[in-house]
Protein backbone atom coordinates (compact mmCIF):
# COMPACT_ATOMS: atom_id res chain seq x y z
CA MET A 1 -30.67 -62.89 -12.94
CA SER A 2 -27.44 -63.36 -14.77
CA SER A 3 -24.18 -65.19 -14.43
CA VAL A 4 -21.11 -64.59 -16.52
CA SER A 5 -18.05 -66.74 -15.94
CA LYS A 6 -14.51 -65.42 -15.94
CA VAL A 7 -12.78 -68.79 -15.84
CA THR A 8 -10.06 -70.01 -18.16
CA ALA A 9 -10.67 -72.28 -21.12
CA ASN A 10 -9.26 -75.32 -19.32
CA GLU A 11 -11.63 -75.26 -16.35
CA PRO A 12 -14.99 -76.49 -17.77
CA LYS A 13 -13.93 -80.14 -17.89
CA ARG A 14 -13.25 -80.32 -14.16
CA ALA A 15 -16.82 -79.81 -12.98
CA ALA A 16 -18.12 -82.91 -14.74
CA ALA A 17 -15.18 -85.02 -13.66
CA ARG A 18 -15.84 -84.24 -9.99
CA ALA A 19 -19.49 -85.27 -9.99
CA VAL A 20 -20.61 -87.37 -7.03
CA SER A 21 -20.70 -91.14 -7.59
CA SER A 22 -23.21 -93.07 -5.51
CA ALA A 23 -21.06 -96.16 -5.96
CA GLY A 24 -17.88 -94.40 -4.88
CA LYS A 25 -15.65 -96.51 -7.09
CA GLU A 26 -13.13 -95.77 -9.80
CA SER A 27 -13.15 -96.81 -13.44
CA PRO A 28 -11.84 -100.27 -14.27
CA PRO A 29 -8.40 -100.45 -15.88
CA ASP A 30 -8.45 -99.71 -19.59
CA ASN A 31 -6.35 -102.04 -21.72
CA GLY A 32 -8.14 -101.18 -24.94
CA GLN A 33 -9.72 -104.64 -25.15
CA ARG A 34 -13.42 -105.24 -24.53
CA THR A 35 -15.20 -108.55 -25.07
CA ASP A 36 -18.76 -107.23 -25.01
CA GLY A 37 -20.68 -104.06 -25.77
CA VAL A 38 -19.96 -100.81 -23.95
CA SER A 39 -22.51 -98.06 -23.33
CA ILE A 40 -20.93 -94.62 -23.71
CA GLY A 41 -21.79 -90.94 -23.70
CA VAL A 42 -19.96 -87.74 -24.62
CA ILE A 43 -20.55 -84.41 -22.89
CA LEU A 44 -19.31 -80.85 -22.52
CA GLY A 45 -18.63 -80.02 -18.87
CA PHE A 46 -19.11 -76.60 -17.24
CA PRO A 47 -16.87 -74.39 -15.08
CA ASP A 48 -17.23 -75.13 -11.36
CA GLU A 49 -18.95 -71.88 -10.42
CA ILE A 50 -21.64 -72.26 -13.08
CA ALA A 51 -22.09 -76.00 -12.51
CA GLU A 52 -22.54 -75.46 -8.78
CA GLU A 53 -24.99 -72.60 -9.30
CA LEU A 54 -27.13 -74.67 -11.65
CA GLN A 55 -26.92 -77.65 -9.32
CA ARG A 56 -28.38 -75.51 -6.53
CA TRP A 57 -31.18 -74.35 -8.79
CA ARG A 58 -31.95 -77.89 -9.92
CA ALA A 59 -32.08 -79.07 -6.29
CA SER A 60 -34.42 -76.19 -5.41
CA PHE A 61 -36.95 -77.54 -7.92
CA GLY A 62 -36.97 -80.90 -6.14
CA ASP A 63 -34.98 -82.79 -8.77
CA PRO A 64 -33.30 -85.76 -7.00
CA MET A 65 -30.68 -85.99 -9.74
CA ALA A 66 -29.27 -82.57 -8.82
CA ALA A 67 -26.79 -84.18 -6.41
CA VAL A 68 -25.37 -86.67 -8.91
CA ILE A 69 -25.57 -85.03 -12.34
CA PRO A 70 -23.38 -81.96 -12.93
CA ALA A 71 -24.53 -79.29 -15.37
CA HIS A 72 -23.48 -80.30 -18.87
CA ILE A 73 -24.40 -80.36 -22.54
CA THR A 74 -24.82 -83.83 -23.98
CA LEU A 75 -23.15 -84.42 -27.35
CA VAL A 76 -23.80 -88.17 -27.52
CA THR A 77 -26.50 -89.67 -25.34
CA THR A 78 -26.30 -93.27 -24.12
CA THR A 79 -25.05 -95.26 -27.12
CA MET A 80 -23.92 -98.89 -27.26
CA THR A 81 -20.71 -99.72 -29.07
CA GLN A 82 -19.18 -103.13 -29.71
CA ASP A 83 -15.65 -101.83 -30.25
CA TRP A 84 -14.25 -99.72 -27.42
CA GLU A 85 -10.88 -99.07 -29.03
CA ALA A 86 -12.42 -97.93 -32.32
CA THR A 87 -14.86 -95.71 -30.42
CA ARG A 88 -12.14 -94.11 -28.33
CA ASN A 89 -10.01 -93.43 -31.40
CA HIS A 90 -13.05 -92.00 -33.19
CA VAL A 91 -13.79 -89.54 -30.36
CA ARG A 92 -10.11 -88.65 -30.03
CA GLU A 93 -9.83 -87.82 -33.73
CA ILE A 94 -12.85 -85.52 -33.65
CA ALA A 95 -11.56 -83.73 -30.55
CA SER A 96 -8.16 -83.19 -32.16
CA LYS A 97 -9.80 -81.36 -35.09
CA GLN A 98 -12.14 -79.17 -33.00
CA GLU A 99 -11.13 -75.66 -31.99
CA PRO A 100 -12.17 -74.31 -28.55
CA PHE A 101 -15.32 -72.19 -28.64
CA ASN A 102 -17.55 -70.12 -26.37
CA VAL A 103 -20.93 -71.26 -25.10
CA THR A 104 -23.72 -68.98 -23.93
CA ILE A 105 -26.69 -70.50 -22.14
CA ALA A 106 -29.69 -68.21 -21.82
CA GLY A 107 -33.40 -68.45 -21.14
CA THR A 108 -35.54 -71.52 -20.64
CA GLY A 109 -37.41 -73.98 -22.78
CA SER A 110 -39.25 -77.26 -22.26
CA PHE A 111 -39.75 -80.59 -23.97
CA ARG A 112 -43.25 -80.87 -22.51
CA PRO A 113 -45.59 -82.61 -23.19
CA VAL A 114 -43.33 -85.18 -24.86
CA SER A 115 -40.92 -85.27 -21.92
CA PRO A 116 -41.12 -83.63 -18.43
CA VAL A 117 -37.96 -81.57 -18.89
CA VAL A 118 -37.17 -77.88 -18.49
CA PHE A 119 -33.85 -76.69 -19.83
CA LEU A 120 -31.63 -73.70 -20.51
CA ASN A 121 -31.15 -72.83 -24.17
CA VAL A 122 -27.77 -72.93 -25.85
CA GLU A 123 -27.25 -69.72 -27.85
CA ASP A 124 -23.59 -69.16 -28.70
CA GLY A 125 -22.04 -72.52 -29.45
CA PHE A 126 -25.28 -74.12 -30.66
CA GLY A 127 -23.85 -74.80 -34.12
CA ASP A 128 -20.60 -76.14 -32.68
CA CYS A 129 -22.53 -78.59 -30.49
CA VAL A 130 -24.62 -79.76 -33.45
CA SER A 131 -21.51 -80.19 -35.60
CA LEU A 132 -19.74 -82.20 -32.90
CA HIS A 133 -22.81 -84.37 -32.39
CA GLN A 134 -23.10 -85.07 -36.10
CA GLN A 135 -19.43 -86.01 -36.34
CA LEU A 136 -19.47 -88.14 -33.20
CA GLN A 137 -22.65 -90.05 -34.03
CA THR A 138 -20.99 -91.76 -37.00
CA GLY A 139 -18.74 -94.77 -37.45
CA PRO A 140 -18.77 -96.95 -34.31
CA LEU A 141 -21.38 -94.64 -32.71
CA GLU A 142 -23.76 -94.42 -35.65
CA ARG A 143 -27.40 -95.11 -34.82
CA GLU A 144 -30.87 -93.72 -35.35
CA LEU A 145 -32.07 -91.44 -32.56
CA PRO A 146 -35.72 -91.25 -31.46
CA PHE A 147 -35.58 -87.43 -31.46
CA ALA A 148 -33.63 -84.82 -33.36
CA TYR A 149 -30.56 -83.59 -31.46
CA HIS A 150 -31.14 -80.32 -29.60
CA PRO A 151 -28.29 -78.94 -27.44
CA HIS A 152 -29.60 -77.90 -24.02
CA VAL A 153 -28.86 -77.87 -20.28
CA THR A 154 -31.41 -79.70 -18.14
CA VAL A 155 -32.44 -77.82 -14.99
CA ALA A 156 -35.49 -79.88 -13.98
CA HIS A 157 -36.52 -83.38 -15.00
CA ASP A 158 -39.38 -85.64 -13.96
CA VAL A 159 -40.59 -83.45 -11.11
CA ALA A 160 -44.08 -82.16 -10.32
CA PRO A 161 -45.69 -80.00 -13.05
CA GLU A 162 -45.69 -76.97 -10.75
CA SER A 163 -41.96 -77.41 -10.17
CA LEU A 164 -41.37 -77.54 -13.92
CA ASP A 165 -43.41 -74.35 -14.25
CA GLU A 166 -41.31 -72.73 -11.52
CA ALA A 167 -38.04 -73.71 -13.18
CA GLU A 168 -39.17 -72.37 -16.53
CA THR A 169 -40.22 -69.06 -14.99
CA VAL A 170 -37.48 -68.46 -12.42
CA LEU A 171 -34.61 -69.08 -14.83
CA LYS A 172 -36.08 -67.36 -17.88
CA ASP A 173 -33.57 -64.49 -17.55
CA TYR A 174 -30.57 -66.65 -16.68
CA ARG A 175 -27.48 -66.12 -18.83
CA ALA A 176 -23.91 -67.40 -18.60
CA THR A 177 -21.01 -67.43 -21.04
CA PHE A 178 -17.91 -69.57 -20.77
CA PRO A 179 -15.22 -71.18 -22.94
CA VAL A 180 -15.27 -74.86 -23.89
CA ALA A 181 -11.94 -76.48 -24.66
CA SER A 182 -12.57 -80.21 -24.19
CA MET A 183 -15.17 -82.95 -24.10
CA GLY A 184 -15.54 -85.96 -21.83
CA LEU A 185 -15.91 -89.57 -22.95
CA TYR A 186 -17.92 -91.54 -20.38
CA GLU A 187 -18.78 -95.20 -19.89
CA HIS A 188 -22.07 -96.33 -18.34
CA ASP A 189 -21.00 -99.19 -16.10
CA ASP A 190 -22.93 -102.23 -14.84
CA ASN A 191 -23.93 -100.34 -11.67
CA GLY A 192 -25.62 -97.56 -13.62
CA ILE A 193 -22.82 -95.09 -12.91
CA TRP A 194 -21.24 -92.84 -15.53
CA GLN A 195 -17.46 -93.21 -15.36
CA LEU A 196 -15.22 -90.62 -17.00
CA ARG A 197 -12.78 -92.54 -19.19
CA GLU A 198 -11.06 -89.67 -21.01
CA GLU A 199 -11.21 -85.87 -21.06
CA LEU A 200 -10.12 -84.87 -24.56
CA ASP A 201 -8.72 -81.39 -25.17
CA PHE A 202 -9.75 -79.76 -28.41
CA GLY A 203 -7.12 -79.18 -31.05
CA THR A 204 -4.48 -81.45 -29.53
CA GLU A 205 -3.39 -85.04 -30.04
CA PRO A 206 -4.17 -87.13 -26.92
CA ASP A 207 -1.58 -89.21 -25.09
CA ASP A 208 -1.59 -92.89 -25.97
CA ASP A 209 -2.34 -93.94 -22.39
CA GLY A 210 -5.73 -92.20 -22.45
CA GLY A 211 -7.13 -89.53 -20.19
CA GLN A 212 -7.90 -89.17 -16.53
CA ASP A 213 -10.40 -91.66 -15.16
CA GLY A 214 -13.01 -90.46 -12.73
CA ALA A 215 -16.50 -91.18 -11.48
CA ALA A 216 -19.70 -89.42 -12.37
CA GLY A 217 -23.23 -89.85 -11.19
CA ALA A 218 -25.88 -91.98 -12.84
CA HIS A 219 -28.02 -90.09 -15.36
C-alpha cells in the first residue's frame, strides 16, 4: 500500500487545526499575560487526505483516540512553562528561521515492550524534526525528557496486543510524502483538551496578534 500526497506546502497545518474537540469550545482570549503555568505542545500537522487516511487506519485497530487525535509528528511533547509570552516568542523565532521541508513517512516500528505503541517511521525530514525539537526544547521549554526524542507518527496506542501486531503488519509498506511549511503551538487546557494557539509558518515573521485559535482533541 502506498500514499503520496500532491497537496501544496500550506495545507498540512489545516488537518491538525480541524481536529475534533470533545469539549467543543474555543481557546480563551490571549492577552500575553498568564499568572500560572501553562502546559504546551508543538506539532507538525499533516495534509487532510493523509491525516484522514491514517485516522481511518487507527480507528480500524480499535484505538479510541483515532476520533480526537489527528495524524501528526510531535516536536515538543507536553511541557509546562511559567512564562507564556516568552514561550510564544521562543517558538515564533525558531519558526521564522526554519525553511519548509519534505517529510516521508514509511514502514512501521514499535516502542514495545516499553510502551504499547506502533508507529510509522519518519524517513525524509527526520533530521529536520530532530533539529526543531532540539531548538524548541531550550530556554523557557528546557527540561529533561524520560526518553530520547524519536520523530514518529502513532497509528495504534494502548490497544490489545493482537491489534498492535495487526497495525505493525498491515502498514509495513505504507509510504507518504508531503511538504511541511509550518508548526502548531498548542495549549493543554484545564479540561484536558489541546487548543491550537498559533500556527506558525516557516521562514516568515508572525503577526503581532498571534495565529488562528482552534480546538484539538485531548492526547
